[in-house]
Amino acid sequence: MTIDFRQAAFLISVPKADLAPPDEGAEVAFAGRSNAGKSSALNSITEQRGLARTSKTPGRTQQINFFDLGGNHRLVDLPGFGYARVPQAMKEQWQRNLAEYLHIRQSLRGLILLMDCRHPLTDYDQKILTWCADVGLATHILLTKSDKLKRGPAGNNLLAVRSRLPEFHPEASVQLFSALKKTGVDEARLVLSDWLCDR
């Protein structure tokens, strides 16, 4: 079965996991540090410029956003973690909501973890990778904004991240990605399709 990601449609936005759509079918979540390019990646993969809201202001995604792909398949945009300019109490609430969602969703097939290609494997990234490994959650990394680096440095960063993954999540995979140049979009879609159609 193949999935037409272009048919993605906004389903619902919720502040916490217990308000999410019925926990059935299959879904893949997108997570990453604030301003890592989650919304841009979702828009690029679905070929819809306005599906997920993008902003130059870190932390724009403040709720858990579900997008319907048809056939009981979904993509999920999680709140960004890191340096968003919001009160500390709100940051902590986001983290609790994120952890709760990742912990309780039985329909979650995998996590797409986005990292800025120029600044990969932050402390937050390492913690999420380790957590995913502990619970056996499939994880694929998109090294975003790869167009900001020349080909050589981008490739070196990819190899460096790949070499360190066994420290945190031995089963995780990684690729270069650029929403602007459409680099790696097809590769990302293959990973998503494999996960969503696995069961």
N, C-alpha and C. Protein backbone atom coordinates (compact mmCIF):
# COMPACT_ATOMS: atom_id res chain seq x y z
N MET A 1 0.84 -1.19 0.00
CA MET A 1 0.00 0.00 0.00
C MET A 1 0.88 1.25 0.00
N THR A 2 0.52 2.21 -0.81
CA THR A 2 1.24 3.48 -0.80
C THR A 2 0.30 4.58 -0.30
N ILE A 3 0.89 5.57 0.31
CA ILE A 3 0.10 6.67 0.88
C ILE A 3 0.35 7.93 0.06
N ASP A 4 -0.73 8.60 -0.29
CA ASP A 4 -0.62 9.87 -1.00
C ASP A 4 -0.58 10.98 0.05
N PHE A 5 0.62 11.44 0.37
CA PHE A 5 0.77 12.43 1.42
C PHE A 5 0.18 13.78 1.03
N ARG A 6 -0.06 13.96 -0.27
CA ARG A 6 -0.63 15.23 -0.72
C ARG A 6 -2.08 15.41 -0.28
N GLN A 7 -2.73 14.31 0.13
CA GLN A 7 -4.12 14.42 0.56
C GLN A 7 -4.25 14.72 2.05
N ALA A 8 -3.14 14.97 2.71
CA ALA A 8 -3.17 15.27 4.14
C ALA A 8 -4.09 16.46 4.43
N ALA A 9 -4.86 16.35 5.49
CA ALA A 9 -5.77 17.42 5.88
C ALA A 9 -5.74 17.59 7.39
N PHE A 10 -5.81 18.84 7.83
CA PHE A 10 -5.83 19.11 9.27
C PHE A 10 -7.02 18.41 9.91
N LEU A 11 -6.77 17.74 11.03
CA LEU A 11 -7.82 16.99 11.72
C LEU A 11 -8.23 17.70 13.01
N ILE A 12 -7.28 17.87 13.92
CA ILE A 12 -7.61 18.49 15.21
C ILE A 12 -6.32 18.93 15.90
N SER A 13 -6.44 19.95 16.75
CA SER A 13 -5.34 20.41 17.57
C SER A 13 -5.76 20.30 19.03
N VAL A 14 -4.95 19.64 19.84
CA VAL A 14 -5.32 19.42 21.23
C VAL A 14 -4.16 19.80 22.16
N PRO A 15 -4.46 20.25 23.38
CA PRO A 15 -3.39 20.64 24.30
C PRO A 15 -2.72 19.46 24.98
N LYS A 16 -3.41 18.31 25.05
CA LYS A 16 -2.81 17.15 25.71
C LYS A 16 -3.36 15.86 25.11
N ALA A 17 -2.65 14.77 25.38
CA ALA A 17 -2.89 13.51 24.68
C ALA A 17 -4.26 12.91 24.95
N ASP A 18 -4.82 13.12 26.14
CA ASP A 18 -6.10 12.49 26.43
C ASP A 18 -7.27 13.13 25.68
N LEU A 19 -6.99 14.20 24.94
CA LEU A 19 -8.00 14.83 24.10
C LEU A 19 -7.80 14.49 22.62
N ALA A 20 -6.83 13.62 22.34
CA ALA A 20 -6.48 13.27 20.97
C ALA A 20 -7.57 12.42 20.30
N PRO A 21 -7.50 12.28 18.97
CA PRO A 21 -8.45 11.41 18.26
C PRO A 21 -8.37 9.98 18.78
N PRO A 22 -9.35 9.14 18.46
CA PRO A 22 -9.32 7.74 18.91
C PRO A 22 -7.96 7.09 18.62
N ASP A 23 -7.47 6.34 19.58
CA ASP A 23 -6.14 5.73 19.48
C ASP A 23 -6.22 4.43 18.69
N GLU A 24 -6.38 4.58 17.40
CA GLU A 24 -6.53 3.42 16.51
C GLU A 24 -5.89 3.74 15.17
N GLY A 25 -5.68 2.73 14.36
CA GLY A 25 -5.00 2.95 13.09
C GLY A 25 -3.50 3.11 13.32
N ALA A 26 -2.88 4.01 12.57
CA ALA A 26 -1.44 4.21 12.68
C ALA A 26 -1.11 5.68 12.48
N GLU A 27 -0.15 6.17 13.27
CA GLU A 27 0.29 7.55 13.13
C GLU A 27 1.78 7.65 13.37
N VAL A 28 2.37 8.69 12.78
CA VAL A 28 3.79 8.98 12.98
C VAL A 28 3.89 10.43 13.45
N ALA A 29 4.68 10.64 14.49
CA ALA A 29 4.82 11.97 15.07
C ALA A 29 6.12 12.64 14.64
N PHE A 30 6.08 13.95 14.54
CA PHE A 30 7.25 14.77 14.23
C PHE A 30 7.61 15.57 15.49
N ALA A 31 8.85 15.45 15.92
CA ALA A 31 9.31 16.18 17.11
C ALA A 31 10.65 16.83 16.81
N GLY A 32 10.97 17.85 17.58
CA GLY A 32 12.26 18.49 17.38
C GLY A 32 12.37 19.77 18.17
N ARG A 33 13.59 20.23 18.30
CA ARG A 33 13.86 21.47 18.99
C ARG A 33 13.12 22.62 18.31
N SER A 34 12.71 23.60 19.07
CA SER A 34 12.04 24.76 18.51
C SER A 34 12.86 25.33 17.34
N ASN A 35 12.17 25.59 16.24
CA ASN A 35 12.78 26.16 15.04
C ASN A 35 13.68 25.18 14.28
N ALA A 36 13.51 23.88 14.52
CA ALA A 36 14.27 22.88 13.77
C ALA A 36 13.69 22.65 12.38
N GLY A 37 12.47 23.13 12.15
CA GLY A 37 11.87 23.01 10.83
C GLY A 37 10.80 21.95 10.71
N LYS A 38 10.11 21.64 11.81
CA LYS A 38 9.07 20.60 11.75
C LYS A 38 7.94 20.96 10.79
N SER A 39 7.41 22.16 10.97
CA SER A 39 6.28 22.56 10.13
C SER A 39 6.67 22.62 8.66
N SER A 40 7.86 23.14 8.39
CA SER A 40 8.33 23.20 7.00
C SER A 40 8.49 21.80 6.42
N ALA A 41 8.99 20.87 7.22
CA ALA A 41 9.15 19.50 6.75
C ALA A 41 7.80 18.86 6.43
N LEU A 42 6.83 19.06 7.31
CA LEU A 42 5.49 18.52 7.07
C LEU A 42 4.89 19.10 5.80
N ASN A 43 5.05 20.40 5.61
CA ASN A 43 4.51 21.04 4.41
C ASN A 43 5.19 20.52 3.15
N SER A 44 6.49 20.28 3.24
CA SER A 44 7.25 19.79 2.09
C SER A 44 6.86 18.35 1.75
N ILE A 45 6.75 17.51 2.76
CA ILE A 45 6.41 16.10 2.54
C ILE A 45 5.00 15.95 1.96
N THR A 46 4.09 16.83 2.39
CA THR A 46 2.70 16.74 1.91
C THR A 46 2.44 17.62 0.69
N GLU A 47 3.45 18.39 0.28
CA GLU A 47 3.32 19.32 -0.85
C GLU A 47 2.18 20.31 -0.63
N GLN A 48 2.04 20.73 0.63
CA GLN A 48 1.02 21.72 0.97
C GLN A 48 1.68 22.85 1.75
N ARG A 49 1.79 23.98 1.15
CA ARG A 49 2.53 25.09 1.75
C ARG A 49 1.96 25.52 3.10
N GLY A 50 0.64 25.43 3.26
CA GLY A 50 0.04 25.94 4.48
C GLY A 50 -0.54 24.89 5.40
N LEU A 51 -0.17 23.63 5.22
CA LEU A 51 -0.76 22.59 6.08
C LEU A 51 -0.39 22.83 7.54
N ALA A 52 0.90 22.93 7.81
CA ALA A 52 1.37 23.21 9.17
C ALA A 52 1.87 24.65 9.20
N ARG A 53 1.54 25.36 10.24
CA ARG A 53 1.93 26.76 10.34
C ARG A 53 3.43 26.89 10.58
N THR A 54 4.07 27.73 9.78
CA THR A 54 5.50 27.98 9.96
C THR A 54 5.69 29.40 10.47
N SER A 55 6.77 29.59 11.17
CA SER A 55 7.05 30.91 11.72
C SER A 55 8.54 31.05 11.99
N LYS A 56 9.04 32.26 11.90
CA LYS A 56 10.42 32.51 12.28
C LYS A 56 10.55 32.61 13.80
N THR A 57 9.41 32.63 14.48
CA THR A 57 9.42 32.68 15.94
C THR A 57 9.44 31.27 16.49
N PRO A 58 10.49 30.86 17.20
CA PRO A 58 10.55 29.51 17.76
C PRO A 58 9.38 29.25 18.71
N GLY A 59 8.90 28.02 18.67
CA GLY A 59 7.85 27.63 19.60
C GLY A 59 6.45 27.95 19.12
N ARG A 60 6.27 28.17 17.83
CA ARG A 60 4.94 28.51 17.31
C ARG A 60 3.96 27.36 17.53
N THR A 61 4.42 26.13 17.34
CA THR A 61 3.54 24.97 17.55
C THR A 61 3.43 24.74 19.05
N GLN A 62 2.27 25.04 19.63
CA GLN A 62 2.10 24.93 21.07
C GLN A 62 1.12 23.84 21.47
N GLN A 63 0.53 23.18 20.50
CA GLN A 63 -0.37 22.09 20.81
C GLN A 63 0.01 20.88 19.96
N ILE A 64 -0.66 19.77 20.19
CA ILE A 64 -0.43 18.56 19.41
C ILE A 64 -1.40 18.61 18.23
N ASN A 65 -0.86 18.69 17.02
CA ASN A 65 -1.67 18.85 15.82
C ASN A 65 -1.71 17.55 15.02
N PHE A 66 -2.92 17.09 14.72
CA PHE A 66 -3.12 15.84 13.99
C PHE A 66 -3.57 16.14 12.56
N PHE A 67 -2.98 15.42 11.61
CA PHE A 67 -3.32 15.56 10.20
C PHE A 67 -3.74 14.21 9.65
N ASP A 68 -4.90 14.19 9.00
CA ASP A 68 -5.48 12.96 8.48
C ASP A 68 -4.92 12.65 7.09
N LEU A 69 -4.48 11.40 6.89
CA LEU A 69 -3.98 10.96 5.59
C LEU A 69 -4.96 10.02 4.89
N GLY A 70 -6.10 9.75 5.52
CA GLY A 70 -7.03 8.78 4.99
C GLY A 70 -6.63 7.38 5.41
N GLY A 71 -7.56 6.44 5.35
CA GLY A 71 -7.26 5.06 5.69
C GLY A 71 -6.85 4.87 7.14
N ASN A 72 -7.29 5.77 8.02
CA ASN A 72 -6.96 5.72 9.45
C ASN A 72 -5.45 5.89 9.69
N HIS A 73 -4.81 6.67 8.84
CA HIS A 73 -3.40 7.03 9.00
C HIS A 73 -3.30 8.52 9.31
N ARG A 74 -2.34 8.87 10.17
CA ARG A 74 -2.20 10.27 10.58
C ARG A 74 -0.73 10.68 10.72
N LEU A 75 -0.48 11.96 10.52
CA LEU A 75 0.78 12.58 10.89
C LEU A 75 0.50 13.49 12.08
N VAL A 76 1.47 13.62 12.98
CA VAL A 76 1.26 14.40 14.19
C VAL A 76 2.42 15.38 14.38
N ASP A 77 2.08 16.64 14.54
CA ASP A 77 3.08 17.69 14.76
C ASP A 77 3.09 18.00 16.26
N LEU A 78 4.21 17.69 16.92
CA LEU A 78 4.32 17.88 18.36
C LEU A 78 4.92 19.25 18.69
N PRO A 79 4.63 19.80 19.87
CA PRO A 79 5.22 21.08 20.25
C PRO A 79 6.74 21.02 20.23
N GLY A 80 7.37 22.08 19.77
CA GLY A 80 8.82 22.13 19.76
C GLY A 80 9.37 22.22 21.18
N PHE A 81 10.56 21.67 21.38
CA PHE A 81 11.17 21.76 22.70
C PHE A 81 12.44 22.59 22.60
N GLY A 82 12.82 23.21 23.70
CA GLY A 82 14.06 23.98 23.68
C GLY A 82 13.88 25.42 24.09
N TYR A 83 14.27 26.32 23.18
CA TYR A 83 14.48 27.70 23.60
C TYR A 83 13.35 28.66 23.27
N ALA A 84 12.15 28.15 23.04
CA ALA A 84 11.04 29.04 22.70
C ALA A 84 10.86 30.11 23.79
N ARG A 85 10.55 31.33 23.35
CA ARG A 85 10.44 32.44 24.29
C ARG A 85 9.06 32.44 24.95
N VAL A 86 8.87 31.52 25.84
CA VAL A 86 7.62 31.42 26.60
C VAL A 86 8.00 31.21 28.06
N PRO A 87 7.07 31.45 28.97
CA PRO A 87 7.37 31.25 30.39
C PRO A 87 7.82 29.81 30.69
N GLN A 88 8.69 29.68 31.68
CA GLN A 88 9.21 28.36 32.04
C GLN A 88 8.10 27.38 32.37
N ALA A 89 7.06 27.84 33.05
CA ALA A 89 5.96 26.95 33.42
C ALA A 89 5.30 26.37 32.17
N MET A 90 5.19 27.20 31.12
CA MET A 90 4.58 26.71 29.89
C MET A 90 5.50 25.70 29.21
N LYS A 91 6.81 25.96 29.22
CA LYS A 91 7.75 25.00 28.66
C LYS A 91 7.61 23.64 29.34
N GLU A 92 7.53 23.68 30.66
CA GLU A 92 7.43 22.44 31.43
C GLU A 92 6.13 21.71 31.12
N GLN A 93 5.05 22.47 30.92
CA GLN A 93 3.77 21.85 30.57
C GLN A 93 3.86 21.20 29.19
N TRP A 94 4.51 21.87 28.24
CA TRP A 94 4.70 21.27 26.90
C TRP A 94 5.43 19.94 27.02
N GLN A 95 6.49 19.93 27.85
CA GLN A 95 7.29 18.71 27.97
C GLN A 95 6.47 17.57 28.57
N ARG A 96 5.63 17.90 29.54
CA ARG A 96 4.77 16.87 30.14
C ARG A 96 3.78 16.34 29.10
N ASN A 97 3.20 17.25 28.32
CA ASN A 97 2.26 16.82 27.29
C ASN A 97 2.94 15.94 26.24
N LEU A 98 4.16 16.33 25.86
CA LEU A 98 4.93 15.56 24.88
C LEU A 98 5.22 14.16 25.41
N ALA A 99 5.71 14.08 26.65
CA ALA A 99 6.03 12.79 27.24
C ALA A 99 4.80 11.91 27.37
N GLU A 100 3.68 12.53 27.77
CA GLU A 100 2.44 11.77 27.92
C GLU A 100 2.00 11.19 26.58
N TYR A 101 2.03 12.02 25.56
CA TYR A 101 1.62 11.54 24.23
C TYR A 101 2.49 10.37 23.78
N LEU A 102 3.81 10.53 23.87
CA LEU A 102 4.72 9.47 23.42
C LEU A 102 4.55 8.19 24.23
N HIS A 103 4.13 8.34 25.47
CA HIS A 103 4.02 7.19 26.36
C HIS A 103 2.72 6.40 26.14
N ILE A 104 1.61 7.10 25.89
CA ILE A 104 0.32 6.40 25.92
C ILE A 104 -0.23 6.02 24.55
N ARG A 105 0.24 6.63 23.46
CA ARG A 105 -0.39 6.39 22.17
C ARG A 105 -0.01 5.03 21.60
N GLN A 106 -0.97 4.13 21.58
CA GLN A 106 -0.74 2.78 21.05
C GLN A 106 -0.64 2.76 19.53
N SER A 107 -1.23 3.76 18.88
CA SER A 107 -1.22 3.81 17.41
C SER A 107 0.06 4.44 16.86
N LEU A 108 0.94 4.91 17.74
CA LEU A 108 2.18 5.56 17.31
C LEU A 108 3.15 4.52 16.78
N ARG A 109 3.51 4.66 15.51
CA ARG A 109 4.39 3.68 14.85
C ARG A 109 5.85 4.11 14.82
N GLY A 110 6.08 5.41 14.95
CA GLY A 110 7.45 5.88 14.89
C GLY A 110 7.52 7.37 15.13
N LEU A 111 8.74 7.84 15.35
CA LEU A 111 8.97 9.25 15.59
C LEU A 111 9.98 9.78 14.58
N ILE A 112 9.60 10.85 13.90
CA ILE A 112 10.54 11.59 13.05
C ILE A 112 11.13 12.70 13.91
N LEU A 113 12.42 12.62 14.17
CA LEU A 113 13.10 13.60 15.01
C LEU A 113 13.88 14.56 14.12
N LEU A 114 13.56 15.83 14.19
CA LEU A 114 14.20 16.82 13.34
C LEU A 114 15.28 17.56 14.11
N MET A 115 16.44 17.67 13.47
CA MET A 115 17.56 18.41 14.04
C MET A 115 18.12 19.33 12.97
N ASP A 116 18.44 20.54 13.35
CA ASP A 116 19.13 21.45 12.45
C ASP A 116 20.47 20.82 12.08
N CYS A 117 20.71 20.66 10.80
CA CYS A 117 21.94 19.99 10.33
C CYS A 117 23.20 20.65 10.88
N ARG A 118 23.11 21.94 11.18
CA ARG A 118 24.28 22.67 11.68
C ARG A 118 24.50 22.48 13.17
N HIS A 119 23.46 22.01 13.88
CA HIS A 119 23.54 21.87 15.34
C HIS A 119 22.84 20.58 15.78
N PRO A 120 23.34 19.42 15.36
CA PRO A 120 22.64 18.17 15.68
C PRO A 120 22.99 17.65 17.08
N LEU A 121 22.17 16.71 17.53
CA LEU A 121 22.42 15.97 18.77
C LEU A 121 22.61 16.87 19.99
N THR A 122 21.68 17.81 20.15
CA THR A 122 21.66 18.61 21.38
C THR A 122 21.28 17.70 22.55
N ASP A 123 21.37 18.24 23.75
CA ASP A 123 20.99 17.45 24.93
C ASP A 123 19.56 16.94 24.81
N TYR A 124 18.66 17.80 24.32
CA TYR A 124 17.27 17.40 24.16
C TYR A 124 17.15 16.24 23.16
N ASP A 125 17.87 16.36 22.05
CA ASP A 125 17.85 15.30 21.04
C ASP A 125 18.32 13.98 21.63
N GLN A 126 19.39 14.03 22.38
CA GLN A 126 19.95 12.82 22.98
C GLN A 126 18.96 12.18 23.96
N LYS A 127 18.27 13.01 24.74
CA LYS A 127 17.30 12.49 25.70
C LYS A 127 16.13 11.81 24.98
N ILE A 128 15.65 12.43 23.92
CA ILE A 128 14.53 11.83 23.18
C ILE A 128 14.95 10.53 22.53
N LEU A 129 16.13 10.51 21.92
CA LEU A 129 16.62 9.28 21.30
C LEU A 129 16.75 8.16 22.32
N THR A 130 17.29 8.47 23.48
CA THR A 130 17.46 7.46 24.53
C THR A 130 16.11 6.95 25.00
N TRP A 131 15.16 7.87 25.17
CA TRP A 131 13.82 7.46 25.61
C TRP A 131 13.17 6.55 24.56
N CYS A 132 13.28 6.93 23.30
CA CYS A 132 12.68 6.12 22.23
C CYS A 132 13.31 4.73 22.19
N ALA A 133 14.62 4.67 22.39
CA ALA A 133 15.29 3.37 22.41
C ALA A 133 14.80 2.53 23.57
N ASP A 134 14.62 3.16 24.73
CA ASP A 134 14.18 2.43 25.93
C ASP A 134 12.80 1.80 25.75
N VAL A 135 11.92 2.49 25.03
CA VAL A 135 10.56 1.97 24.85
C VAL A 135 10.38 1.25 23.51
N GLY A 136 11.46 1.16 22.73
CA GLY A 136 11.40 0.44 21.47
C GLY A 136 10.65 1.16 20.37
N LEU A 137 10.67 2.48 20.40
CA LEU A 137 9.96 3.26 19.37
C LEU A 137 10.90 3.55 18.20
N ALA A 138 10.48 3.15 17.01
CA ALA A 138 11.26 3.41 15.80
C ALA A 138 11.48 4.91 15.64
N THR A 139 12.70 5.29 15.29
CA THR A 139 13.04 6.71 15.18
C THR A 139 13.87 6.95 13.93
N HIS A 140 13.50 7.99 13.19
CA HIS A 140 14.23 8.39 11.99
C HIS A 140 14.53 9.88 12.11
N ILE A 141 15.77 10.25 11.88
CA ILE A 141 16.21 11.64 12.05
C ILE A 141 16.28 12.35 10.70
N LEU A 142 15.71 13.54 10.66
CA LEU A 142 15.88 14.42 9.51
C LEU A 142 16.83 15.53 9.93
N LEU A 143 17.99 15.58 9.28
CA LEU A 143 18.92 16.68 9.51
C LEU A 143 18.49 17.82 8.60
N THR A 144 17.70 18.72 9.14
CA THR A 144 17.04 19.75 8.35
C THR A 144 17.98 20.90 7.99
N LYS A 145 17.49 21.72 7.07
CA LYS A 145 18.22 22.92 6.62
C LYS A 145 19.60 22.55 6.06
N SER A 146 19.68 21.39 5.42
CA SER A 146 20.97 20.95 4.87
C SER A 146 21.44 21.88 3.77
N ASP A 147 20.51 22.66 3.20
CA ASP A 147 20.90 23.62 2.17
C ASP A 147 21.74 24.77 2.73
N LYS A 148 21.76 24.91 4.05
CA LYS A 148 22.55 25.97 4.68
C LYS A 148 24.04 25.63 4.70
N LEU A 149 24.36 24.36 4.42
CA LEU A 149 25.76 23.92 4.40
C LEU A 149 26.13 23.47 3.00
N LYS A 150 27.41 23.57 2.67
CA LYS A 150 27.89 23.01 1.41
C LYS A 150 27.84 21.49 1.50
N ARG A 151 27.92 20.85 0.35
CA ARG A 151 27.72 19.40 0.29
C ARG A 151 28.69 18.63 1.20
N GLY A 152 29.97 19.05 1.19
CA GLY A 152 30.97 18.35 2.00
C GLY A 152 30.68 18.41 3.49
N PRO A 153 30.53 19.61 4.06
CA PRO A 153 30.22 19.72 5.49
C PRO A 153 28.90 19.04 5.87
N ALA A 154 27.90 19.13 5.00
CA ALA A 154 26.62 18.47 5.29
C ALA A 154 26.81 16.96 5.37
N GLY A 155 27.56 16.41 4.42
CA GLY A 155 27.84 14.98 4.43
C GLY A 155 28.64 14.56 5.65
N ASN A 156 29.58 15.40 6.05
CA ASN A 156 30.37 15.11 7.24
C ASN A 156 29.51 15.08 8.49
N ASN A 157 28.56 16.03 8.59
CA ASN A 157 27.66 16.05 9.73
C ASN A 157 26.77 14.83 9.77
N LEU A 158 26.32 14.39 8.58
CA LEU A 158 25.51 13.18 8.49
C LEU A 158 26.29 11.97 9.02
N LEU A 159 27.52 11.82 8.57
CA LEU A 159 28.35 10.71 9.01
C LEU A 159 28.63 10.78 10.51
N ALA A 160 28.84 12.00 11.01
CA ALA A 160 29.12 12.16 12.44
C ALA A 160 27.93 11.76 13.29
N VAL A 161 26.73 12.17 12.88
CA VAL A 161 25.53 11.78 13.62
C VAL A 161 25.32 10.28 13.54
N ARG A 162 25.49 9.71 12.35
CA ARG A 162 25.30 8.27 12.17
C ARG A 162 26.26 7.48 13.07
N SER A 163 27.48 7.96 13.21
CA SER A 163 28.47 7.24 14.00
C SER A 163 28.16 7.30 15.50
N ARG A 164 27.42 8.33 15.92
CA ARG A 164 27.12 8.47 17.35
C ARG A 164 25.78 7.87 17.75
N LEU A 165 24.94 7.53 16.79
CA LEU A 165 23.62 7.02 17.12
C LEU A 165 23.63 5.79 18.03
N PRO A 166 24.58 4.85 17.87
CA PRO A 166 24.59 3.69 18.77
C PRO A 166 24.66 4.05 20.25
N GLU A 167 25.17 5.25 20.57
CA GLU A 167 25.23 5.69 21.96
C GLU A 167 23.83 5.92 22.53
N PHE A 168 22.90 6.27 21.67
CA PHE A 168 21.58 6.70 22.14
C PHE A 168 20.45 5.79 21.66
N HIS A 169 20.47 5.42 20.39
CA HIS A 169 19.40 4.61 19.80
C HIS A 169 20.00 3.81 18.65
N PRO A 170 20.50 2.61 18.92
CA PRO A 170 21.20 1.83 17.89
C PRO A 170 20.37 1.53 16.65
N GLU A 171 19.03 1.53 16.78
CA GLU A 171 18.17 1.19 15.65
C GLU A 171 17.73 2.42 14.86
N ALA A 172 18.05 3.59 15.32
CA ALA A 172 17.61 4.81 14.63
C ALA A 172 18.34 4.98 13.30
N SER A 173 17.69 5.69 12.38
CA SER A 173 18.28 5.99 11.08
C SER A 173 18.30 7.50 10.90
N VAL A 174 19.08 7.97 9.92
CA VAL A 174 19.25 9.41 9.75
C VAL A 174 19.48 9.74 8.29
N GLN A 175 19.05 10.92 7.89
CA GLN A 175 19.23 11.39 6.52
C GLN A 175 19.35 12.91 6.51
N LEU A 176 19.86 13.46 5.41
CA LEU A 176 19.85 14.90 5.19
C LEU A 176 18.49 15.31 4.63
N PHE A 177 18.07 16.53 4.96
CA PHE A 177 16.75 16.99 4.53
C PHE A 177 16.78 18.50 4.35
N SER A 178 16.14 18.97 3.30
CA SER A 178 15.96 20.40 3.10
C SER A 178 14.57 20.64 2.53
N ALA A 179 13.73 21.32 3.31
CA ALA A 179 12.40 21.65 2.82
C ALA A 179 12.49 22.64 1.66
N LEU A 180 13.47 23.52 1.71
CA LEU A 180 13.63 24.54 0.66
C LEU A 180 14.02 23.92 -0.67
N LYS A 181 15.01 23.02 -0.64
CA LYS A 181 15.51 22.41 -1.87
C LYS A 181 14.86 21.07 -2.19
N LYS A 182 13.96 20.62 -1.32
CA LYS A 182 13.27 19.32 -1.47
C LYS A 182 14.24 18.14 -1.37
N THR A 183 15.37 18.36 -0.74
CA THR A 183 16.35 17.29 -0.55
C THR A 183 15.83 16.28 0.47
N GLY A 184 15.82 15.00 0.09
CA GLY A 184 15.44 13.95 1.03
C GLY A 184 13.96 13.75 1.24
N VAL A 185 13.12 14.46 0.49
CA VAL A 185 11.67 14.34 0.69
C VAL A 185 11.18 12.93 0.35
N ASP A 186 11.61 12.41 -0.78
CA ASP A 186 11.18 11.06 -1.18
C ASP A 186 11.66 10.00 -0.18
N GLU A 187 12.88 10.17 0.30
CA GLU A 187 13.43 9.22 1.28
C GLU A 187 12.59 9.24 2.56
N ALA A 188 12.22 10.43 3.00
CA ALA A 188 11.40 10.56 4.21
C ALA A 188 10.02 9.93 4.00
N ARG A 189 9.45 10.13 2.82
CA ARG A 189 8.13 9.54 2.54
C ARG A 189 8.19 8.01 2.58
N LEU A 190 9.28 7.43 2.10
CA LEU A 190 9.41 5.97 2.14
C LEU A 190 9.42 5.46 3.58
N VAL A 191 10.13 6.14 4.45
CA VAL A 191 10.16 5.75 5.86
C VAL A 191 8.77 5.84 6.46
N LEU A 192 8.08 6.94 6.20
CA LEU A 192 6.73 7.13 6.73
C LEU A 192 5.79 6.05 6.22
N SER A 193 5.85 5.77 4.93
CA SER A 193 4.97 4.75 4.35
C SER A 193 5.23 3.38 4.96
N ASP A 194 6.50 3.04 5.14
CA ASP A 194 6.84 1.74 5.73
C ASP A 194 6.24 1.61 7.13
N TRP A 195 6.37 2.66 7.91
CA TRP A 195 5.84 2.60 9.28
C TRP A 195 4.31 2.55 9.30
N LEU A 196 3.69 3.44 8.54
CA LEU A 196 2.22 3.55 8.59
C LEU A 196 1.53 2.32 8.02
N CYS A 197 2.14 1.67 7.05
CA CYS A 197 1.51 0.52 6.39
C CYS A 197 2.02 -0.81 6.93
N ASP A 198 2.79 -0.77 8.00
CA ASP A 198 3.41 -1.98 8.54
C ASP A 198 2.39 -2.94 9.14
N ARG A 199 1.28 -2.41 9.65
CA ARG A 199 0.28 -3.27 10.30
C ARG A 199 -1.10 -2.97 9.77
